[in-house]
C-alpha atoms as a PDB file:
ATOM      1  CA  MET A   1     -22.993 -66.989 -23.577  1.00  0.00           C
ATOM      2  CA  GLU A   2     -19.802 -68.204 -25.232  1.00  0.00           C
ATOM      3  CA  ARG A   3     -16.892 -65.787 -25.048  1.00  0.00           C
ATOM      4  CA  LYS A   4     -14.711 -65.491 -28.140  1.00  0.00           C
ATOM      5  CA  ILE A   5     -10.998 -65.622 -27.375  1.00  0.00           C
ATOM      6  CA  THR A   6      -9.005 -63.120 -29.403  1.00  0.00           C
ATOM      7  CA  LYS A   7      -5.481 -63.964 -30.457  1.00  0.00           C
ATOM      8  CA  ILE A   8      -3.189 -61.027 -29.700  1.00  0.00           C
ATOM      9  CA  ILE A   9      -0.198 -59.957 -31.768  1.00  0.00           C
ATOM     10  CA  GLN A  10       2.134 -57.620 -29.884  1.00  0.00           C
ATOM     11  CA  LEU A  11       4.235 -55.441 -32.191  1.00  0.00           C
ATOM     12  CA  ASP A  12       7.159 -53.182 -31.447  1.00  0.00           C
ATOM     13  CA  TYR A  13       7.086 -49.952 -33.494  1.00  0.00           C
ATOM     14  CA  ASP A  14      10.558 -48.427 -33.959  1.00  0.00           C
ATOM     15  CA  ASN A  15      12.600 -50.415 -36.462  1.00  0.00           C
ATOM     16  CA  THR A  16       9.888 -53.106 -36.569  1.00  0.00           C
ATOM     17  CA  VAL A  17       6.751 -51.515 -38.006  1.00  0.00           C
ATOM     18  CA  THR A  18       9.054 -48.774 -39.336  1.00  0.00           C
ATOM     19  CA  LEU A  19      12.375 -49.131 -41.139  1.00  0.00           C
ATOM     20  CA  THR A  20      14.056 -46.651 -38.771  1.00  0.00           C
ATOM     21  CA  ASN A  21      14.167 -46.162 -35.020  1.00  0.00           C
ATOM     22  CA  ILE A  22      12.103 -42.965 -35.160  1.00  0.00           C
ATOM     23  CA  GLY A  23      12.486 -42.079 -31.466  1.00  0.00           C
ATOM     24  CA  LEU A  24      16.236 -42.505 -31.565  1.00  0.00           C
ATOM     25  CA  GLU A  25      16.563 -40.450 -34.738  1.00  0.00           C
ATOM     26  CA  LEU A  26      14.408 -37.646 -33.285  1.00  0.00           C
ATOM     27  CA  GLN A  27      16.523 -37.625 -30.111  1.00  0.00           C
ATOM     28  CA  ARG A  28      19.667 -37.469 -32.239  1.00  0.00           C
ATOM     29  CA  ARG A  29      18.405 -34.640 -34.478  1.00  0.00           C
ATOM     30  CA  PHE A  30      16.933 -32.524 -31.676  1.00  0.00           C
ATOM     31  CA  ALA A  31      19.517 -33.181 -28.947  1.00  0.00           C
ATOM     32  CA  ILE A  32      20.439 -30.187 -26.838  1.00  0.00           C
ATOM     33  CA  ASP A  33      23.745 -31.887 -25.994  1.00  0.00           C
ATOM     34  CA  SER A  34      24.886 -34.359 -28.692  1.00  0.00           C
ATOM     35  CA  ALA A  35      27.709 -35.750 -26.538  1.00  0.00           C
ATOM     36  CA  TRP A  36      25.226 -36.560 -23.740  1.00  0.00           C
ATOM     37  CA  PHE A  37      22.961 -38.297 -26.269  1.00  0.00           C
ATOM     38  CA  GLU A  38      25.865 -40.474 -27.470  1.00  0.00           C
ATOM     39  CA  GLN A  39      26.887 -41.255 -23.874  1.00  0.00           C
ATOM     40  CA  LEU A  40      23.349 -42.404 -23.002  1.00  0.00           C
ATOM     41  CA  ARG A  41      23.219 -44.651 -26.075  1.00  0.00           C
ATOM     42  CA  GLY A  42      26.591 -46.127 -25.165  1.00  0.00           C
ATOM     43  CA  TRP A  43      25.489 -46.902 -21.600  1.00  0.00           C
ATOM     44  CA  PHE A  44      22.348 -48.584 -22.913  1.00  0.00           C
ATOM     45  CA  GLU A  45      24.288 -50.694 -25.444  1.00  0.00           C
ATOM     46  CA  LEU A  46      26.669 -51.800 -22.666  1.00  0.00           C
ATOM     47  CA  GLY A  47      23.754 -52.734 -20.398  1.00  0.00           C
ATOM     48  CA  LYS A  48      24.622 -50.017 -17.857  1.00  0.00           C
ATOM     49  CA  MET A  49      21.245 -48.274 -18.218  1.00  0.00           C
ATOM     50  CA  SER A  50      17.737 -49.655 -18.600  1.00  0.00           C
ATOM     51  CA  GLY A  51      15.625 -48.884 -21.651  1.00  0.00           C
ATOM     52  CA  VAL A  52      13.184 -46.925 -19.472  1.00  0.00           C
ATOM     53  CA  ASP A  53      15.958 -44.751 -17.999  1.00  0.00           C
ATOM     54  CA  VAL A  54      17.567 -44.044 -21.356  1.00  0.00           C
ATOM     55  CA  VAL A  55      14.164 -43.041 -22.789  1.00  0.00           C
ATOM     56  CA  ARG A  56      13.516 -40.607 -19.945  1.00  0.00           C
ATOM     57  CA  LYS A  57      16.989 -39.079 -19.996  1.00  0.00           C
ATOM     58  CA  GLY A  58      17.161 -39.041 -23.791  1.00  0.00           C
ATOM     59  CA  TRP A  59      13.908 -37.112 -24.181  1.00  0.00           C
ATOM     60  CA  ALA A  60      14.929 -34.707 -21.406  1.00  0.00           C
ATOM     61  CA  ASN A  61      17.841 -33.792 -23.702  1.00  0.00           C
ATOM     62  CA  VAL A  62      15.511 -32.913 -26.628  1.00  0.00           C
ATOM     63  CA  LYS A  63      14.697 -29.344 -27.668  1.00  0.00           C
ATOM     64  CA  PRO A  64      11.044 -28.536 -26.836  1.00  0.00           C
ATOM     65  CA  ASP A  65       9.928 -28.151 -30.452  1.00  0.00           C
ATOM     66  CA  ILE A  66       6.782 -30.213 -31.129  1.00  0.00           C
ATOM     67  CA  LYS A  67       6.209 -28.733 -34.615  1.00  0.00           C
ATOM     68  CA  GLY A  68       9.796 -29.525 -35.599  1.00  0.00           C
ATOM     69  CA  LEU A  69       9.572 -33.039 -34.149  1.00  0.00           C
ATOM     70  CA  LEU A  70       6.371 -33.721 -36.103  1.00  0.00           C
ATOM     71  CA  ARG A  71       7.887 -32.392 -39.356  1.00  0.00           C
ATOM     72  CA  ALA A  72      10.933 -34.598 -38.837  1.00  0.00           C
ATOM     73  CA  THR A  73       8.685 -37.580 -38.053  1.00  0.00           C
ATOM     74  CA  ASP A  74       7.005 -37.140 -41.433  1.00  0.00           C
ATOM     75  CA  GLU A  75      10.396 -36.937 -43.173  1.00  0.00           C
ATOM     76  CA  ILE A  76      11.935 -40.054 -41.633  1.00  0.00           C
ATOM     77  CA  THR A  77       9.038 -42.491 -41.202  1.00  0.00           C
ATOM     78  CA  THR A  78       8.723 -45.335 -43.675  1.00  0.00           C
ATOM     79  CA  LEU A  79       6.574 -48.303 -42.734  1.00  0.00           C
ATOM     80  CA  ARG A  80       7.979 -51.779 -43.334  1.00  0.00           C
ATOM     81  CA  ARG A  81       6.777 -53.448 -46.528  1.00  0.00           C
ATOM     82  CA  GLY A  82       3.503 -55.320 -46.188  1.00  0.00           C
ATOM     83  CA  PHE A  83       2.423 -53.758 -42.892  1.00  0.00           C
ATOM     84  CA  TRP A  84      -1.077 -52.622 -43.910  1.00  0.00           C
ATOM     85  CA  SER A  85      -1.913 -55.862 -45.734  1.00  0.00           C
ATOM     86  CA  PHE A  86      -0.615 -57.743 -42.661  1.00  0.00           C
ATOM     87  CA  CYS A  87      -3.089 -55.790 -40.504  1.00  0.00           C
ATOM     88  CA  GLN A  88      -5.897 -56.814 -42.853  1.00  0.00           C
ATOM     89  CA  ARG A  89      -4.767 -60.469 -42.719  1.00  0.00           C
ATOM     90  CA  CYS A  90      -4.823 -60.216 -38.905  1.00  0.00           C
ATOM     91  CA  ARG A  91      -8.434 -59.053 -38.934  1.00  0.00           C
ATOM     92  CA  ASP A  92      -9.412 -61.735 -41.465  1.00  0.00           C
ATOM     93  CA  LYS A  93      -7.874 -64.505 -39.336  1.00  0.00           C
ATOM     94  CA  GLY A  94      -9.157 -63.298 -35.954  1.00  0.00           C
ATOM     95  CA  TYR A  95      -5.976 -61.723 -34.605  1.00  0.00           C
ATOM     96  CA  SER A  96      -5.883 -58.388 -32.790  1.00  0.00           C
ATOM     97  CA  PRO A  97      -2.633 -56.481 -33.332  1.00  0.00           C
ATOM     98  CA  ILE A  98      -1.483 -54.034 -30.675  1.00  0.00           C
ATOM     99  CA  ILE A  99       1.575 -51.787 -30.863  1.00  0.00           C
ATOM    100  CA  VAL A 100       3.513 -51.609 -27.615  1.00  0.00           C
ATOM    101  CA  SER A 101       6.530 -49.346 -27.807  1.00  0.00           C
ATOM    102  CA  GLY A 102       9.317 -47.958 -25.697  1.00  0.00           C
ATOM    103  CA  GLY A 103       8.970 -44.887 -27.897  1.00  0.00           C
ATOM    104  CA  MET A 104       6.575 -41.965 -27.691  1.00  0.00           C
ATOM    105  CA  SER A 105       2.935 -42.083 -28.733  1.00  0.00           C
ATOM    106  CA  PHE A 106       3.018 -38.690 -30.508  1.00  0.00           C
ATOM    107  CA  TYR A 107       5.065 -39.968 -33.445  1.00  0.00           C
ATOM    108  CA  ILE A 108       3.374 -43.390 -33.598  1.00  0.00           C
ATOM    109  CA  GLU A 109      -0.135 -41.914 -33.621  1.00  0.00           C
ATOM    110  CA  ARG A 110       0.955 -39.678 -36.492  1.00  0.00           C
ATOM    111  CA  TRP A 111       1.072 -42.809 -38.712  1.00  0.00           C
ATOM    112  CA  ILE A 112      -1.106 -45.431 -36.989  1.00  0.00           C
ATOM    113  CA  ARG A 113      -4.736 -44.721 -36.210  1.00  0.00           C
ATOM    114  CA  ASP A 114      -6.710 -47.967 -36.298  1.00  0.00           C
ATOM    115  CA  ILE A 115      -4.572 -50.185 -34.042  1.00  0.00           C
ATOM    116  CA  PRO A 116      -4.349 -49.824 -30.249  1.00  0.00           C
ATOM    117  CA  ILE A 117      -1.096 -48.171 -29.145  1.00  0.00           C
ATOM    118  CA  ILE A 118       0.598 -48.321 -25.765  1.00  0.00           C
ATOM    119  CA  ALA A 119       3.641 -46.052 -25.597  1.00  0.00           C
ATOM    120  CA  GLY A 120       5.255 -43.259 -23.635  1.00  0.00           C
ATOM    121  CA  LYS A 121       3.953 -39.716 -23.560  1.00  0.00           C
ATOM    122  CA  LEU A 122       5.923 -36.627 -24.476  1.00  0.00           C
ATOM    123  CA  VAL A 123       5.119 -33.502 -22.485  1.00  0.00           C
ATOM    124  CA  ILE A 124       6.494 -29.991 -22.952  1.00  0.00           C
ATOM    125  CA  LEU A 125       6.375 -28.333 -19.559  1.00  0.00           C
ATOM    126  CA  ASP A 126       7.922 -25.035 -18.525  1.00  0.00           C
ATOM    127  CA  GLY A 127      10.137 -24.916 -21.629  1.00  0.00           C
ATOM    128  CA  ARG A 128      11.533 -28.415 -21.269  1.00  0.00           C
ATOM    129  CA  THR A 129      10.796 -31.799 -22.790  1.00  0.00           C
ATOM    130  CA  ILE A 130       9.733 -34.665 -20.546  1.00  0.00           C
ATOM    131  CA  GLY A 131       9.375 -38.228 -21.776  1.00  0.00           C
ATOM    132  CA  ILE A 132       7.012 -40.111 -19.482  1.00  0.00           C
ATOM    133  CA  MET A 133       7.704 -43.841 -19.360  1.00  0.00           C
ATOM    134  CA  LEU A 134       6.603 -45.430 -16.097  1.00  0.00           C
ATOM    135  CA  CYS A 135       7.825 -48.976 -16.702  1.00  0.00           C
ATOM    136  CA  ASN A 136       9.046 -51.381 -19.351  1.00  0.00           C
ATOM    137  CA  LEU A 137       5.759 -51.297 -21.263  1.00  0.00           C
ATOM    138  CA  LYS A 138       6.673 -54.091 -23.681  1.00  0.00           C
ATOM    139  CA  LEU A 139       7.446 -56.494 -20.854  1.00  0.00           C
ATOM    140  CA  GLU A 140       4.464 -55.597 -18.669  1.00  0.00           C
ATOM    141  CA  VAL A 141       1.990 -55.878 -21.548  1.00  0.00           C
ATOM    142  CA  ALA A 142       3.491 -59.183 -22.742  1.00  0.00           C
ATOM    143  CA  LYS A 143       3.200 -60.621 -19.210  1.00  0.00           C
ATOM    144  CA  MET A 144      -0.423 -59.520 -19.030  1.00  0.00           C
ATOM    145  CA  LEU A 145      -1.611 -60.430 -22.558  1.00  0.00           C
ATOM    146  CA  ARG A 146       0.547 -63.505 -23.294  1.00  0.00           C
ATOM    147  CA  PRO A 147       0.412 -62.777 -27.047  1.00  0.00           C
ATOM    148  CA  ALA A 148       0.041 -65.516 -29.627  1.00  0.00           C
ATOM    149  CA  ILE A 149       2.703 -63.732 -31.691  1.00  0.00           C
ATOM    150  CA  TYR A 150       5.358 -61.201 -30.689  1.00  0.00           C
ATOM    151  CA  ILE A 151       7.078 -59.129 -33.392  1.00  0.00           C
ATOM    152  CA  GLY A 152      10.108 -56.981 -32.605  1.00  0.00           C
ATOM    153  CA  ASP A 153      13.689 -56.187 -33.442  1.00  0.00           C
ATOM    154  CA  GLY A 154      15.988 -55.218 -30.617  1.00  0.00           C
ATOM    155  CA  GLN A 155      17.405 -55.723 -27.168  1.00  0.00           C
ATOM    156  CA  THR A 156      14.273 -54.422 -25.435  1.00  0.00           C
ATOM    157  CA  ASP A 157      12.174 -57.065 -27.235  1.00  0.00           C
ATOM    158  CA  ILE A 158      14.081 -60.126 -26.043  1.00  0.00           C
ATOM    159  CA  GLU A 159      12.588 -60.439 -22.553  1.00  0.00           C
ATOM    160  CA  PRO A 160       8.941 -59.697 -23.488  1.00  0.00           C
ATOM    161  CA  ALA A 161       9.158 -62.116 -26.422  1.00  0.00           C
ATOM    162  CA  HIS A 162       9.495 -64.993 -23.922  1.00  0.00           C
ATOM    163  CA  TYR A 163       5.794 -64.568 -23.096  1.00  0.00           C
ATOM    164  CA  ALA A 164       4.592 -65.249 -26.651  1.00  0.00           C
ATOM    165  CA  GLU A 165       3.805 -68.532 -28.348  1.00  0.00           C
ATOM    166  CA  LYS A 166       5.587 -67.560 -31.583  1.00  0.00           C
ATOM    167  CA  VAL A 167       8.188 -64.825 -32.109  1.00  0.00           C
ATOM    168  CA  TYR A 168       9.321 -62.981 -35.217  1.00  0.00           C
ATOM    169  CA  GLY A 169      12.434 -60.780 -35.217  1.00  0.00           C
ATOM    170  CA  VAL A 170      13.527 -58.258 -37.839  1.00  0.00           C
ATOM    171  CA  ARG A 171      16.348 -59.818 -39.838  1.00  0.00           C
ATOM    172  CA  GLY A 172      19.640 -58.288 -38.658  1.00  0.00           C
ATOM    173  CA  GLY A 173      18.204 -57.168 -35.298  1.00  0.00           C
ATOM    174  CA  LYS A 174      19.177 -58.531 -31.892  1.00  0.00           C
ATOM    175  CA  LEU A 175      15.888 -60.382 -31.384  1.00  0.00           C
ATOM    176  CA  ALA A 176      16.381 -62.354 -34.624  1.00  0.00           C
ATOM    177  CA  ASN A 177      19.575 -63.847 -33.123  1.00  0.00           C
ATOM    178  CA  VAL A 178      17.684 -65.477 -30.248  1.00  0.00           C
ATOM    179  CA  GLU A 179      17.097 -69.216 -30.593  1.00  0.00           C
ATOM    180  CA  GLY A 180      13.609 -70.079 -31.815  1.00  0.00           C
ATOM    181  CA  VAL A 181      12.907 -66.616 -33.231  1.00  0.00           C
ATOM    182  CA  ILE A 182      11.802 -66.522 -36.873  1.00  0.00           C
ATOM    183  CA  PRO A 183      13.619 -63.781 -38.835  1.00  0.00           C
ATOM    184  CA  PHE A 184      11.662 -61.599 -41.278  1.00  0.00           C
ATOM    185  CA  SER A 185      12.142 -58.545 -43.490  1.00  0.00           C
ATOM    186  CA  SER A 186       8.616 -57.972 -44.782  1.00  0.00           C
ATOM    187  CA  PHE A 187       5.309 -58.428 -42.987  1.00  0.00           C
ATOM    188  CA  ALA A 188       4.283 -60.686 -45.892  1.00  0.00           C
ATOM    189  CA  GLU A 189       6.639 -63.310 -44.379  1.00  0.00           C
ATOM    190  CA  ILE A 190       4.695 -63.561 -41.115  1.00  0.00           C
ATOM    191  CA  ASP A 191       2.568 -66.706 -40.934  1.00  0.00           C
ATOM    192  CA  LEU A 192      -0.754 -66.335 -39.108  1.00  0.00           C
ATOM    193  CA  THR A 193      -1.539 -70.046 -38.739  1.00  0.00           C
END
């Protein structure tokens, strides 16, 4: 029996599928200590803290208010132009898109239902918020799947993008500045040939 090989497209979510970094905005809006939030972001930008560590510590600083977080998610989420027609083009051309995010699944699953999602889990336990992120998911999945196409925007997308055949980076993002990366603004610009 002949096995059909599926071409994988690995997509980042925050600021790639969406126009905003939803996780970052939720952490900012619901921070218990705003100064601590800003300090964590600064350490990450300077390379003094890994993406996984800043996710864990950032979500630990979030008020345990799931209803409020979900309401805010609905207010701030806008999908990038052409995303749903891109997903249809993927299916038509034999590609399988998968969202792999350093964000939390609860706000991604609120908007995306028919594409596999690998992301962190948010847990409210004993009156506190815990963001569970065991590893750099984007990197580990890219190493395992070796996607035909990688689509992302930021610093945490640079290393996993090395495992893809073709890479698209959101125009103006850090990934788009890497040599060989094709910048895009709309999913209509992504070539599936």
